[in-house]
Amino acid sequence: MAGTVIVRLFASARAALGTARLELAVAEGDTIDSLLRALLTEPTLAPDRGAGAERVLARCSFLRNGITADRDTALVPGDTVDALPPFAGG
């Protein structure tokens, strides 16, 4: 089963990857972790993202369809994944 998921990036994740929202293909067995690896090689994103994007994504927490998710959470087409970097303030 192949399809796409929507990825929403916030704050420093958005800045590091050069976009706030995109759709990426997923296949059966893909997880948030495999989605993150795909984000780092996606050709339509900021070409200079490099190590900065990797550092930001390593510190993010994630939501899958609005519910807290681990990196090993399985994805299905139609999911929405939010990447939430640590926020300052209170």
Protein backbone atom coordinates (compact mmCIF):
# COMPACT_ATOMS: atom_id res chain seq x y z
CA MET A 1 0.00 0.00 0.00
CA ALA A 2 1.68 3.20 -1.16
CA GLY A 3 0.49 6.77 -0.80
CA THR A 4 1.47 10.05 0.79
CA VAL A 5 1.56 11.65 4.21
CA ILE A 6 1.45 15.33 5.02
CA VAL A 7 4.41 16.61 7.02
CA ARG A 8 4.03 19.90 8.88
CA LEU A 9 7.19 21.58 10.18
CA PHE A 10 7.18 24.22 12.88
CA ALA A 11 9.61 26.91 14.09
CA SER A 12 13.27 25.88 13.72
CA ALA A 13 12.29 22.71 11.80
CA ARG A 14 10.53 24.89 9.23
CA ALA A 15 13.54 27.20 9.02
CA ALA A 16 16.05 24.35 8.70
CA LEU A 17 14.12 22.58 5.94
CA GLY A 18 12.89 25.69 4.15
CA THR A 19 9.18 24.82 4.14
CA ALA A 20 6.23 24.59 6.50
CA ARG A 21 4.36 21.76 4.78
CA LEU A 22 4.95 19.05 2.22
CA GLU A 23 3.69 15.67 1.13
CA LEU A 24 5.99 12.66 1.03
CA ALA A 25 5.43 9.17 -0.29
CA VAL A 26 5.17 6.32 2.19
CA ALA A 27 5.01 2.59 1.69
CA GLU A 28 3.93 -0.25 3.94
CA GLY A 29 6.29 -0.54 6.88
CA ASP A 30 7.45 3.09 6.82
CA THR A 31 7.81 4.80 10.19
CA ILE A 32 8.36 8.34 11.36
CA ASP A 33 12.08 7.53 11.47
CA SER A 34 12.14 6.48 7.80
CA LEU A 35 10.11 9.59 6.97
CA LEU A 36 12.78 11.74 8.65
CA ARG A 37 15.51 10.12 6.55
CA ALA A 38 13.44 10.91 3.45
CA LEU A 39 13.07 14.54 4.59
CA LEU A 40 16.84 14.90 4.72
CA THR A 41 17.20 13.82 1.10
CA GLU A 42 14.03 15.35 -0.40
CA PRO A 43 15.21 17.30 -3.48
CA THR A 44 12.52 19.99 -3.29
CA LEU A 45 13.68 21.25 0.10
CA ALA A 46 16.32 23.82 0.98
CA PRO A 47 19.56 22.56 -0.62
CA ASP A 48 21.70 23.86 2.25
CA ARG A 49 19.74 22.07 4.99
CA GLY A 50 22.55 19.57 5.77
CA ALA A 51 23.62 18.97 9.35
CA GLY A 52 21.48 21.82 10.70
CA ALA A 53 18.29 20.09 9.63
CA GLU A 54 19.50 16.77 10.98
CA ARG A 55 20.24 18.36 14.38
CA VAL A 56 16.83 20.03 14.53
CA LEU A 57 14.95 16.86 13.55
CA ALA A 58 16.90 14.86 16.13
CA ARG A 59 15.50 17.10 18.86
CA CYS A 60 11.90 17.22 17.63
CA SER A 61 8.92 15.54 19.14
CA PHE A 62 6.24 14.26 16.79
CA LEU A 63 2.51 14.00 16.46
CA ARG A 64 0.77 11.54 14.15
CA ASN A 65 -2.76 12.71 13.43
CA GLY A 66 -2.62 14.94 16.52
CA ILE A 67 -1.43 12.21 18.91
CA THR A 68 2.08 11.98 20.38
CA ALA A 69 4.14 9.46 18.40
CA ASP A 70 7.54 7.80 18.70
CA ARG A 71 10.01 7.53 15.84
CA ASP A 72 9.10 3.87 15.38
CA THR A 73 5.40 4.65 14.88
CA ALA A 74 4.13 3.12 11.65
CA LEU A 75 2.63 5.43 9.04
CA VAL A 76 -0.21 4.88 6.61
CA PRO A 77 -1.18 6.98 3.60
CA GLY A 78 -3.27 9.96 4.61
CA ASP A 79 -1.53 10.51 7.96
CA THR A 80 -0.40 13.95 9.08
CA VAL A 81 2.91 14.13 10.92
CA ASP A 82 3.87 17.27 12.85
CA ALA A 83 7.52 17.90 13.70
CA LEU A 84 7.72 20.03 16.84
CA PRO A 85 11.13 21.31 17.90
CA PRO A 86 11.69 22.35 21.52
CA PHE A 87 10.06 25.70 22.16
CA ALA A 88 11.46 28.38 24.44
CA GLY A 89 9.35 30.40 26.82
CA GLY A 90 6.35 29.45 28.87
